[in-house]
């Protein structure tokens, strides 16, 4: 089962360093992006994840992010199937992030 965390709960989800994996497309990143604040940010579009698994640290918790949460949930499920043990989906995506953590992030 994949953990669901809201943007405001992210810091409480796992102790230590978390990787936020933004799986949106480059054009979406150009419109709105989160700023690393107590976590590592890595942007890999959803379609590139299978070929870029080596860029992810299996020992570090990974919280997946997209626009509203659907794509990131699919990526989180895929990562769990590949043996990543500490995976979560950021519920509501960057839209919720803008509302809960950083209102300077544009909503689209």
PDB file of N, CA and C in Angstrom:
ATOM      1  N   UNK A   1       0.835  -1.182   0.000  1.00  0.00           N
ATOM      2  CA  UNK A   1       0.000   0.000   0.000  1.00  0.00           C
ATOM      3  C   UNK A   1       0.881   1.248   0.000  1.00  0.00           C
ATOM      4  N   UNK A   2       0.499   2.227  -0.775  1.00  0.00           N
ATOM      5  CA  UNK A   2       1.258   3.469  -0.898  1.00  0.00           C
ATOM      6  C   UNK A   2       0.755   4.473   0.146  1.00  0.00           C
ATOM      7  N   UNK A   3       1.681   5.064   0.889  1.00  0.00           N
ATOM      8  CA  UNK A   3       1.320   6.114   1.835  1.00  0.00           C
ATOM      9  C   UNK A   3       0.845   7.344   1.071  1.00  0.00           C
ATOM     10  N   UNK A   4      -0.175   8.001   1.599  1.00  0.00           N
ATOM     11  CA  UNK A   4      -0.629   9.281   1.075  1.00  0.00           C
ATOM     12  C   UNK A   4      -0.258  10.347   2.095  1.00  0.00           C
ATOM     13  N   UNK A   5       0.428  11.381   1.640  1.00  0.00           N
ATOM     14  CA  UNK A   5       0.764  12.490   2.523  1.00  0.00           C
ATOM     15  C   UNK A   5       0.339  13.790   1.847  1.00  0.00           C
ATOM     16  N   UNK A   6      -0.161  14.704   2.626  1.00  0.00           N
ATOM     17  CA  UNK A   6      -0.472  16.021   2.096  1.00  0.00           C
ATOM     18  C   UNK A   6       0.826  16.825   2.106  1.00  0.00           C
ATOM     19  N   UNK A   7       0.891  17.874   1.325  1.00  0.00           N
ATOM     20  CA  UNK A   7       2.101  18.696   1.351  1.00  0.00           C
ATOM     21  C   UNK A   7       2.440  19.195   2.762  1.00  0.00           C
ATOM     22  N   UNK A   8       1.436  19.539   3.545  1.00  0.00           N
ATOM     23  CA  UNK A   8       1.705  20.037   4.888  1.00  0.00           C
ATOM     24  C   UNK A   8       2.187  18.937   5.832  1.00  0.00           C
ATOM     25  N   UNK A   9       1.929  17.667   5.519  1.00  0.00           N
ATOM     26  CA  UNK A   9       2.366  16.541   6.342  1.00  0.00           C
ATOM     27  C   UNK A   9       3.711  15.962   5.909  1.00  0.00           C
ATOM     28  N   UNK A  10       4.267  16.456   4.839  1.00  0.00           N
ATOM     29  CA  UNK A  10       5.455  15.839   4.255  1.00  0.00           C
ATOM     30  C   UNK A  10       6.589  15.685   5.263  1.00  0.00           C
ATOM     31  N   UNK A  11       6.868  16.713   6.047  1.00  0.00           N
ATOM     32  CA  UNK A  11       7.960  16.641   7.010  1.00  0.00           C
ATOM     33  C   UNK A  11       7.745  15.614   8.107  1.00  0.00           C
ATOM     34  N   UNK A  12       6.492  15.255   8.367  1.00  0.00           N
ATOM     35  CA  UNK A  12       6.182  14.274   9.408  1.00  0.00           C
ATOM     36  C   UNK A  12       6.160  12.842   8.880  1.00  0.00           C
ATOM     37  N   UNK A  13       6.148  12.671   7.566  1.00  0.00           N
ATOM     38  CA  UNK A  13       5.983  11.343   6.979  1.00  0.00           C
ATOM     39  C   UNK A  13       7.145  10.407   7.313  1.00  0.00           C
ATOM     40  N   UNK A  14       8.370  10.839   7.099  1.00  0.00           N
ATOM     41  CA  UNK A  14       9.550  10.016   7.350  1.00  0.00           C
ATOM     42  C   UNK A  14      10.616  10.882   8.004  1.00  0.00           C
ATOM     43  N   UNK A  15      11.306  10.357   8.986  1.00  0.00           N
ATOM     44  CA  UNK A  15      12.412  11.127   9.567  1.00  0.00           C
ATOM     45  C   UNK A  15      13.587  11.196   8.596  1.00  0.00           C
ATOM     46  N   UNK A  16      14.346  12.232   8.693  1.00  0.00           N
ATOM     47  CA  UNK A  16      15.535  12.355   7.847  1.00  0.00           C
ATOM     48  C   UNK A  16      15.226  12.959   6.498  1.00  0.00           C
ATOM     49  N   UNK A  17      16.179  12.778   5.592  1.00  0.00           N
ATOM     50  CA  UNK A  17      16.103  13.395   4.267  1.00  0.00           C
ATOM     51  C   UNK A  17      15.111  12.660   3.374  1.00  0.00           C
ATOM     52  N   UNK A  18      14.252  13.411   2.717  1.00  0.00           N
ATOM     53  CA  UNK A  18      13.249  12.883   1.784  1.00  0.00           C
ATOM     54  C   UNK A  18      13.567  13.408   0.392  1.00  0.00           C
ATOM     55  N   UNK A  19      13.353  12.568  -0.614  1.00  0.00           N
ATOM     56  CA  UNK A  19      13.416  13.028  -1.998  1.00  0.00           C
ATOM     57  C   UNK A  19      11.995  13.263  -2.480  1.00  0.00           C
ATOM     58  N   UNK A  20      11.720  14.472  -2.955  1.00  0.00           N
ATOM     59  CA  UNK A  20      10.457  14.747  -3.634  1.00  0.00           C
ATOM     60  C   UNK A  20      10.729  14.533  -5.116  1.00  0.00           C
ATOM     61  N   UNK A  21      10.054  13.544  -5.679  1.00  0.00           N
ATOM     62  CA  UNK A  21      10.216  13.186  -7.084  1.00  0.00           C
ATOM     63  C   UNK A  21       9.061  13.806  -7.865  1.00  0.00           C
ATOM     64  N   UNK A  22       9.371  14.862  -8.605  1.00  0.00           N
ATOM     65  CA  UNK A  22       8.367  15.569  -9.414  1.00  0.00           C
ATOM     66  C   UNK A  22       8.309  14.872 -10.770  1.00  0.00           C
ATOM     67  N   UNK A  23       7.169  14.263 -11.086  1.00  0.00           N
ATOM     68  CA  UNK A  23       7.047  13.454 -12.303  1.00  0.00           C
ATOM     69  C   UNK A  23       6.311  14.184 -13.421  1.00  0.00           C
ATOM     70  N   UNK A  24       6.138  15.491 -13.269  1.00  0.00           N
ATOM     71  CA  UNK A  24       5.460  16.279 -14.306  1.00  0.00           C
ATOM     72  C   UNK A  24       6.392  16.527 -15.497  1.00  0.00           C
ATOM     73  N   UNK A  25       5.808  16.981 -16.581  1.00  0.00           N
ATOM     74  CA  UNK A  25       6.545  17.260 -17.810  1.00  0.00           C
ATOM     75  C   UNK A  25       7.300  18.591 -17.690  1.00  0.00           C
ATOM     76  N   UNK A  26       8.370  18.776 -18.479  1.00  0.00           N
ATOM     77  CA  UNK A  26       9.150  20.021 -18.414  1.00  0.00           C
ATOM     78  C   UNK A  26       8.311  21.289 -18.581  1.00  0.00           C
ATOM     79  N   UNK A  27       7.318  21.265 -19.449  1.00  0.00           N
ATOM     80  CA  UNK A  27       6.473  22.450 -19.637  1.00  0.00           C
ATOM     81  C   UNK A  27       5.707  22.787 -18.359  1.00  0.00           C
ATOM     82  N   UNK A  28       5.300  21.773 -17.618  1.00  0.00           N
ATOM     83  CA  UNK A  28       4.607  22.011 -16.346  1.00  0.00           C
ATOM     84  C   UNK A  28       5.568  22.581 -15.304  1.00  0.00           C
ATOM     85  N   UNK A  29       6.790  22.070 -15.291  1.00  0.00           N
ATOM     86  CA  UNK A  29       7.799  22.580 -14.360  1.00  0.00           C
ATOM     87  C   UNK A  29       8.093  24.049 -14.625  1.00  0.00           C
ATOM     88  N   UNK A  30       8.034  24.442 -15.891  1.00  0.00           N
ATOM     89  CA  UNK A  30       8.296  25.837 -16.241  1.00  0.00           C
ATOM     90  C   UNK A  30       7.208  26.763 -15.694  1.00  0.00           C
ATOM     91  N   UNK A  31       5.999  26.246 -15.528  1.00  0.00           N
ATOM     92  CA  UNK A  31       4.884  27.042 -15.016  1.00  0.00           C
ATOM     93  C   UNK A  31       4.951  27.149 -13.492  1.00  0.00           C
ATOM     94  N   UNK A  32       5.225  26.026 -12.845  1.00  0.00           N
ATOM     95  CA  UNK A  32       5.206  25.989 -11.382  1.00  0.00           C
ATOM     96  C   UNK A  32       6.111  24.873 -10.883  1.00  0.00           C
ATOM     97  N   UNK A  33       6.910  25.180  -9.871  1.00  0.00           N
ATOM     98  CA  UNK A  33       7.783  24.171  -9.291  1.00  0.00           C
ATOM     99  C   UNK A  33       7.966  24.443  -7.806  1.00  0.00           C
ATOM    100  N   UNK A  34       8.142  23.371  -7.053  1.00  0.00           N
ATOM    101  CA  UNK A  34       8.399  23.522  -5.623  1.00  0.00           C
ATOM    102  C   UNK A  34       9.873  23.876  -5.420  1.00  0.00           C
ATOM    103  N   UNK A  35      10.144  24.497  -4.289  1.00  0.00           N
ATOM    104  CA  UNK A  35      11.510  24.852  -3.932  1.00  0.00           C
ATOM    105  C   UNK A  35      11.980  23.893  -2.851  1.00  0.00           C
ATOM    106  N   UNK A  36      13.167  23.298  -3.006  1.00  0.00           N
ATOM    107  CA  UNK A  36      13.662  22.394  -1.973  1.00  0.00           C
ATOM    108  C   UNK A  36      13.774  23.126  -0.638  1.00  0.00           C
ATOM    109  N   UNK A  37      13.091  22.596   0.355  1.00  0.00           N
ATOM    110  CA  UNK A  37      13.100  23.180   1.690  1.00  0.00           C
ATOM    111  C   UNK A  37      13.072  22.032   2.697  1.00  0.00           C
ATOM    112  N   UNK A  38      14.259  21.531   3.038  1.00  0.00           N
ATOM    113  CA  UNK A  38      14.333  20.399   3.945  1.00  0.00           C
ATOM    114  C   UNK A  38      14.205  19.068   3.247  1.00  0.00           C
ATOM    115  N   UNK A  39      14.245  19.053   1.934  1.00  0.00           N
ATOM    116  CA  UNK A  39      14.174  17.819   1.157  1.00  0.00           C
ATOM    117  C   UNK A  39      14.967  17.996  -0.128  1.00  0.00           C
ATOM    118  N   UNK A  40      15.252  16.887  -0.783  1.00  0.00           N
ATOM    119  CA  UNK A  40      15.908  16.893  -2.081  1.00  0.00           C
ATOM    120  C   UNK A  40      14.832  16.873  -3.153  1.00  0.00           C
ATOM    121  N   UNK A  41      14.984  17.681  -4.179  1.00  0.00           N
ATOM    122  CA  UNK A  41      14.024  17.719  -5.276  1.00  0.00           C
ATOM    123  C   UNK A  41      14.667  17.106  -6.514  1.00  0.00           C
ATOM    124  N   UNK A  42      13.959  16.173  -7.127  1.00  0.00           N
ATOM    125  CA  UNK A  42      14.418  15.530  -8.351  1.00  0.00           C
ATOM    126  C   UNK A  42      13.251  15.524  -9.324  1.00  0.00           C
ATOM    127  N   UNK A  43      13.462  16.040 -10.528  1.00  0.00           N
ATOM    128  CA  UNK A  43      12.409  16.084 -11.547  1.00  0.00           C
ATOM    129  C   UNK A  43      12.730  15.081 -12.658  1.00  0.00           C
ATOM    130  N   UNK A  44      11.864  14.081 -12.783  1.00  0.00           N
ATOM    131  CA  UNK A  44      11.968  13.092 -13.857  1.00  0.00           C
ATOM    132  C   UNK A  44      10.551  12.879 -14.388  1.00  0.00           C
ATOM    133  N   UNK A  45      10.284  13.207 -15.659  1.00  0.00           N
ATOM    134  CA  UNK A  45       8.934  12.989 -16.195  1.00  0.00           C
ATOM    135  C   UNK A  45       8.504  11.521 -16.062  1.00  0.00           C
ATOM    136  N   UNK A  46       7.235  11.322 -15.821  1.00  0.00           N
ATOM    137  CA  UNK A  46       6.694   9.989 -15.579  1.00  0.00           C
ATOM    138  C   UNK A  46       7.150   8.959 -16.615  1.00  0.00           C
ATOM    139  N   UNK A  47       7.109   9.310 -17.877  1.00  0.00           N
ATOM    140  CA  UNK A  47       7.478   8.367 -18.923  1.00  0.00           C
ATOM    141  C   UNK A  47       8.943   7.973 -18.932  1.00  0.00           C
ATOM    142  N   UNK A  48       9.790   8.731 -18.261  1.00  0.00           N
ATOM    143  CA  UNK A  48      11.219   8.434 -18.221  1.00  0.00           C
ATOM    144  C   UNK A  48      11.640   7.641 -16.984  1.00  0.00           C
ATOM    145  N   UNK A  49      10.737   7.454 -16.042  1.00  0.00           N
ATOM    146  CA  UNK A  49      11.082   6.798 -14.776  1.00  0.00           C
ATOM    147  C   UNK A  49      11.703   5.410 -14.989  1.00  0.00           C
ATOM    148  N   UNK A  50      11.098   4.519 -15.793  1.00  0.00           N
ATOM    149  CA  UNK A  50      11.686   3.177 -15.912  1.00  0.00           C
ATOM    150  C   UNK A  50      13.147   3.187 -16.356  1.00  0.00           C
ATOM    151  N   UNK A  51      13.498   4.071 -17.253  1.00  0.00           N
ATOM    152  CA  UNK A  51      14.873   4.130 -17.751  1.00  0.00           C
ATOM    153  C   UNK A  51      15.836   4.895 -16.857  1.00  0.00           C
ATOM    154  N   UNK A  52      15.308   5.541 -15.818  1.00  0.00           N
ATOM    155  CA  UNK A  52      16.160   6.373 -14.962  1.00  0.00           C
ATOM    156  C   UNK A  52      16.122   5.950 -13.497  1.00  0.00           C
ATOM    157  N   UNK A  53      15.727   4.702 -13.239  1.00  0.00           N
ATOM    158  CA  UNK A  53      15.650   4.214 -11.863  1.00  0.00           C
ATOM    159  C   UNK A  53      16.978   4.332 -11.115  1.00  0.00           C
ATOM    160  N   UNK A  54      18.073   4.215 -11.832  1.00  0.00           N
ATOM    161  CA  UNK A  54      19.391   4.273 -11.188  1.00  0.00           C
ATOM    162  C   UNK A  54      19.655   5.631 -10.542  1.00  0.00           C
ATOM    163  N   UNK A  55      18.912   6.655 -10.933  1.00  0.00           N
ATOM    164  CA  UNK A  55      19.094   7.987 -10.342  1.00  0.00           C
ATOM    165  C   UNK A  55      18.428   8.116  -8.974  1.00  0.00           C
ATOM    166  N   UNK A  56      17.629   7.120  -8.602  1.00  0.00           N
ATOM    167  CA  UNK A  56      16.893   7.159  -7.342  1.00  0.00           C
ATOM    168  C   UNK A  56      17.601   6.317  -6.287  1.00  0.00           C
ATOM    169  N   UNK A  57      17.671   6.830  -5.078  1.00  0.00           N
ATOM    170  CA  UNK A  57      18.298   6.135  -3.958  1.00  0.00           C
ATOM    171  C   UNK A  57      17.246   5.256  -3.288  1.00  0.00           C
ATOM    172  N   UNK A  58      17.437   3.948  -3.368  1.00  0.00           N
ATOM    173  CA  UNK A  58      16.474   3.000  -2.795  1.00  0.00           C
ATOM    174  C   UNK A  58      16.410   3.078  -1.271  1.00  0.00           C
ATOM    175  N   UNK A  59      17.439   3.642  -0.648  1.00  0.00           N
ATOM    176  CA  UNK A  59      17.483   3.729   0.811  1.00  0.00           C
ATOM    177  C   UNK A  59      16.898   5.028   1.359  1.00  0.00           C
ATOM    178  N   UNK A  60      16.495   5.917   0.477  1.00  0.00           N
ATOM    179  CA  UNK A  60      15.961   7.206   0.899  1.00  0.00           C
ATOM    180  C   UNK A  60      14.455   7.252   0.620  1.00  0.00           C
ATOM    181  N   UNK A  61      13.662   7.783   1.548  1.00  0.00           N
ATOM    182  CA  UNK A  61      12.227   7.910   1.290  1.00  0.00           C
ATOM    183  C   UNK A  61      11.966   8.811   0.077  1.00  0.00           C
ATOM    184  N   UNK A  62      11.000   8.390  -0.754  1.00  0.00           N
ATOM    185  CA  UNK A  62      10.646   9.130  -1.962  1.00  0.00           C
ATOM    186  C   UNK A  62       9.169   9.469  -1.911  1.00  0.00           C
ATOM    187  N   UNK A  63       8.868  10.758  -2.055  1.00  0.00           N
ATOM    188  CA  UNK A  63       7.483  11.220  -2.125  1.00  0.00           C
ATOM    189  C   UNK A  63       7.254  11.757  -3.537  1.00  0.00           C
ATOM    190  N   UNK A  64       6.324  11.146  -4.254  1.00  0.00           N
ATOM    191  CA  UNK A  64       6.069  11.494  -5.654  1.00  0.00           C
ATOM    192  C   UNK A  64       5.060  12.634  -5.756  1.00  0.00           C
ATOM    193  N   UNK A  65       5.307  13.525  -6.720  1.00  0.00           N
ATOM    194  CA  UNK A  65       4.507  14.725  -6.905  1.00  0.00           C
ATOM    195  C   UNK A  65       4.160  14.912  -8.377  1.00  0.00           C
ATOM    196  N   UNK A  66       2.906  15.281  -8.645  1.00  0.00           N
ATOM    197  CA  UNK A  66       2.509  15.684  -9.994  1.00  0.00           C
ATOM    198  C   UNK A  66       1.555  16.872  -9.859  1.00  0.00           C
ATOM    199  N   UNK A  67       0.657  17.045 -10.807  1.00  0.00           N
ATOM    200  CA  UNK A  67      -0.247  18.197 -10.760  1.00  0.00           C
ATOM    201  C   UNK A  67      -1.321  18.042  -9.680  1.00  0.00           C
ATOM    202  N   UNK A  68      -2.045  16.917  -9.709  1.00  0.00           N
ATOM    203  CA  UNK A  68      -3.104  16.692  -8.719  1.00  0.00           C
ATOM    204  C   UNK A  68      -2.954  15.386  -7.947  1.00  0.00           C
ATOM    205  N   UNK A  69      -2.083  14.505  -8.362  1.00  0.00           N
ATOM    206  CA  UNK A  69      -1.836  13.282  -7.602  1.00  0.00           C
ATOM    207  C   UNK A  69      -2.054  11.976  -8.328  1.00  0.00           C
ATOM    208  N   UNK A  70      -2.635  11.989  -9.528  1.00  0.00           N
ATOM    209  CA  UNK A  70      -2.918  10.732 -10.237  1.00  0.00           C
ATOM    210  C   UNK A  70      -1.656  10.120 -10.842  1.00  0.00           C
ATOM    211  N   UNK A  71      -0.897  10.905 -11.585  1.00  0.00           N
ATOM    212  CA  UNK A  71       0.336  10.375 -12.190  1.00  0.00           C
ATOM    213  C   UNK A  71       1.327   9.957 -11.122  1.00  0.00           C
ATOM    214  N   UNK A  72       1.458  10.785 -10.089  1.00  0.00           N
ATOM    215  CA  UNK A  72       2.425  10.474  -9.040  1.00  0.00           C
ATOM    216  C   UNK A  72       2.045   9.184  -8.305  1.00  0.00           C
ATOM    217  N   UNK A  73       0.752   8.907  -8.180  1.00  0.00           N
ATOM    218  CA  UNK A  73       0.338   7.647  -7.557  1.00  0.00           C
ATOM    219  C   UNK A  73       0.763   6.468  -8.417  1.00  0.00           C
ATOM    220  N   UNK A  74       0.616   6.587  -9.717  1.00  0.00           N
ATOM    221  CA  UNK A  74       1.052   5.500 -10.616  1.00  0.00           C
ATOM    222  C   UNK A  74       2.559   5.283 -10.503  1.00  0.00           C
ATOM    223  N   UNK A  75       3.314   6.378 -10.428  1.00  0.00           N
ATOM    224  CA  UNK A  75       4.770   6.260 -10.284  1.00  0.00           C
ATOM    225  C   UNK A  75       5.115   5.640  -8.934  1.00  0.00           C
ATOM    226  N   UNK A  76       4.447   6.061  -7.882  1.00  0.00           N
ATOM    227  CA  UNK A  76       4.708   5.500  -6.547  1.00  0.00           C
ATOM    228  C   UNK A  76       4.439   3.995  -6.546  1.00  0.00           C
ATOM    229  N   UNK A  77       3.351   3.574  -7.163  1.00  0.00           N
ATOM    230  CA  UNK A  77       3.043   2.145  -7.247  1.00  0.00           C
ATOM    231  C   UNK A  77       4.109   1.398  -8.040  1.00  0.00           C
ATOM    232  N   UNK A  78       4.567   1.992  -9.136  1.00  0.00           N
ATOM    233  CA  UNK A  78       5.621   1.379  -9.936  1.00  0.00           C
ATOM    234  C   UNK A  78       6.906   1.233  -9.119  1.00  0.00           C
ATOM    235  N   UNK A  79       7.281   2.292  -8.402  1.00  0.00           N
ATOM    236  CA  UNK A  79       8.498   2.232  -7.588  1.00  0.00           C
ATOM    237  C   UNK A  79       8.379   1.153  -6.518  1.00  0.00           C
ATOM    238  N   UNK A  80       7.225   1.037  -5.900  1.00  0.00           N
ATOM    239  CA  UNK A  80       7.026  -0.003  -4.888  1.00  0.00           C
ATOM    240  C   UNK A  80       7.182  -1.395  -5.514  1.00  0.00           C
ATOM    241  N   UNK A  81       6.677  -1.574  -6.725  1.00  0.00           N
ATOM    242  CA  UNK A  81       6.827  -2.856  -7.422  1.00  0.00           C
ATOM    243  C   UNK A  81       8.280  -3.149  -7.762  1.00  0.00           C
ATOM    244  N   UNK A  82       9.085  -2.103  -7.894  1.00  0.00           N
ATOM    245  CA  UNK A  82      10.500  -2.266  -8.218  1.00  0.00           C
ATOM    246  C   UNK A  82      11.363  -2.443  -6.961  1.00  0.00           C
ATOM    247  N   UNK A  83      10.734  -2.501  -5.800  1.00  0.00           N
ATOM    248  CA  UNK A  83      11.460  -2.770  -4.576  1.00  0.00           C
ATOM    249  C   UNK A  83      11.794  -1.556  -3.719  1.00  0.00           C
ATOM    250  N   UNK A  84      11.301  -0.392  -4.092  1.00  0.00           N
ATOM    251  CA  UNK A  84      11.497   0.785  -3.251  1.00  0.00           C
ATOM    252  C   UNK A  84      10.545   0.650  -2.062  1.00  0.00           C
ATOM    253  N   UNK A  85      11.088   0.670  -0.853  1.00  0.00           N
ATOM    254  CA  UNK A  85      10.283   0.374   0.333  1.00  0.00           C
ATOM    255  C   UNK A  85       9.600   1.591   0.934  1.00  0.00           C
ATOM    256  N   UNK A  86      10.198   2.757   0.820  1.00  0.00           N
ATOM    257  CA  UNK A  86       9.660   3.959   1.457  1.00  0.00           C
ATOM    258  C   UNK A  86       9.191   4.926   0.377  1.00  0.00           C
ATOM    259  N   UNK A  87       7.949   4.723  -0.071  1.00  0.00           N
ATOM    260  CA  UNK A  87       7.389   5.524  -1.160  1.00  0.00           C
ATOM    261  C   UNK A  87       6.034   6.085  -0.729  1.00  0.00           C
ATOM    262  N   UNK A  88       5.804   7.339  -1.074  1.00  0.00           N
ATOM    263  CA  UNK A  88       4.515   7.968  -0.788  1.00  0.00           C
ATOM    264  C   UNK A  88       4.061   8.763  -2.003  1.00  0.00           C
ATOM    265  N   UNK A  89       2.780   9.054  -2.024  1.00  0.00           N
ATOM    266  CA  UNK A  89       2.208   9.944  -3.019  1.00  0.00           C
ATOM    267  C   UNK A  89       1.789  11.224  -2.314  1.00  0.00           C
ATOM    268  N   UNK A  90       2.168  12.367  -2.883  1.00  0.00           N
ATOM    269  CA  UNK A  90       1.766  13.650  -2.310  1.00  0.00           C
ATOM    270  C   UNK A  90       0.354  13.956  -2.803  1.00  0.00           C
ATOM    271  N   UNK A  91      -0.579  13.809  -1.901  1.00  0.00           N
ATOM    272  CA  UNK A  91      -1.993  13.975  -2.194  1.00  0.00           C
ATOM    273  C   UNK A  91      -2.299  15.410  -2.629  1.00  0.00           C
ATOM    274  N   UNK A  92      -2.977  15.535  -3.756  1.00  0.00           N
ATOM    275  CA  UNK A  92      -3.346  16.853  -4.260  1.00  0.00           C
ATOM    276  C   UNK A  92      -2.296  17.507  -5.120  1.00  0.00           C
ATOM    277  N   UNK A  93      -1.101  16.924  -5.195  1.00  0.00           N
ATOM    278  CA  UNK A  93      -0.043  17.402  -6.069  1.00  0.00           C
ATOM    279  C   UNK A  93       0.411  18.828  -5.804  1.00  0.00           C
ATOM    280  N   UNK A  94       0.973  19.420  -6.845  1.00  0.00           N
ATOM    281  CA  UNK A  94       1.497  20.781  -6.703  1.00  0.00           C
ATOM    282  C   UNK A  94       0.377  21.785  -6.480  1.00  0.00           C
ATOM    283  N   UNK A  95      -0.832  21.450  -6.899  1.00  0.00           N
ATOM    284  CA  UNK A  95      -1.961  22.333  -6.649  1.00  0.00           C
ATOM    285  C   UNK A  95      -2.193  22.461  -5.136  1.00  0.00           C
ATOM    286  N   UNK A  96      -2.199  21.344  -4.439  1.00  0.00           N
ATOM    287  CA  UNK A  96      -2.349  21.365  -2.979  1.00  0.00           C
ATOM    288  C   UNK A  96      -1.116  21.987  -2.325  1.00  0.00           C
ATOM    289  N   UNK A  97       0.063  21.754  -2.905  1.00  0.00           N
ATOM    290  CA  UNK A  97       1.296  22.335  -2.367  1.00  0.00           C
ATOM    291  C   UNK A  97       1.168  23.860  -2.334  1.00  0.00           C
ATOM    292  N   UNK A  98       0.643  24.426  -3.410  1.00  0.00           N
ATOM    293  CA  UNK A  98       0.460  25.875  -3.476  1.00  0.00           C
ATOM    294  C   UNK A  98      -0.501  26.359  -2.389  1.00  0.00           C
ATOM    295  N   UNK A  99      -1.514  25.584  -2.121  1.00  0.00           N
ATOM    296  CA  UNK A  99      -2.507  25.972  -1.121  1.00  0.00           C
ATOM    297  C   UNK A  99      -2.017  25.760   0.310  1.00  0.00           C
ATOM    298  N   UNK A 100      -1.232  24.702   0.550  1.00  0.00           N
ATOM    299  CA  UNK A 100      -0.861  24.333   1.913  1.00  0.00           C
ATOM    300  C   UNK A 100       0.531  24.787   2.359  1.00  0.00           C
ATOM    301  N   UNK A 101       1.479  24.870   1.430  1.00  0.00           N
ATOM    302  CA  UNK A 101       2.863  25.141   1.831  1.00  0.00           C
ATOM    303  C   UNK A 101       3.436  26.434   1.286  1.00  0.00           C
ATOM    304  N   UNK A 102       3.112  26.749   0.033  1.00  0.00           N
ATOM    305  CA  UNK A 102       3.774  27.883  -0.599  1.00  0.00           C
ATOM    306  C   UNK A 102       2.829  28.563  -1.585  1.00  0.00           C
ATOM    307  N   UNK A 103       2.083  29.561  -1.119  1.00  0.00           N
ATOM    308  CA  UNK A 103       1.122  30.224  -2.004  1.00  0.00           C
ATOM    309  C   UNK A 103       1.761  31.026  -3.140  1.00  0.00           C
ATOM    310  N   UNK A 104       3.093  31.163  -3.137  1.00  0.00           N
ATOM    311  CA  UNK A 104       3.749  31.851  -4.246  1.00  0.00           C
ATOM    312  C   UNK A 104       3.833  30.968  -5.490  1.00  0.00           C
ATOM    313  N   UNK A 105       3.580  29.676  -5.341  1.00  0.00           N
ATOM    314  CA  UNK A 105       3.601  28.765  -6.491  1.00  0.00           C
ATOM    315  C   UNK A 105       2.298  28.953  -7.272  1.00  0.00           C
ATOM    316  N   UNK A 106       2.416  29.268  -8.575  1.00  0.00           N
ATOM    317  CA  UNK A 106       1.201  29.467  -9.382  1.00  0.00           C
ATOM    318  C   UNK A 106       0.369  28.199  -9.462  1.00  0.00           C
ATOM    319  N   UNK A 107      -0.923  28.374  -9.446  1.00  0.00           N
ATOM    320  CA  UNK A 107      -1.847  27.254  -9.671  1.00  0.00           C
ATOM    321  C   UNK A 107      -2.242  27.274 -11.139  1.00  0.00           C
ATOM    322  N   UNK A 108      -2.315  26.102 -11.733  1.00  0.00           N
ATOM    323  CA  UNK A 108      -2.684  26.011 -13.153  1.00  0.00           C
ATOM    324  C   UNK A 108      -3.627  24.865 -13.379  1.00  0.00           C
TER     325      UNK A 108
END
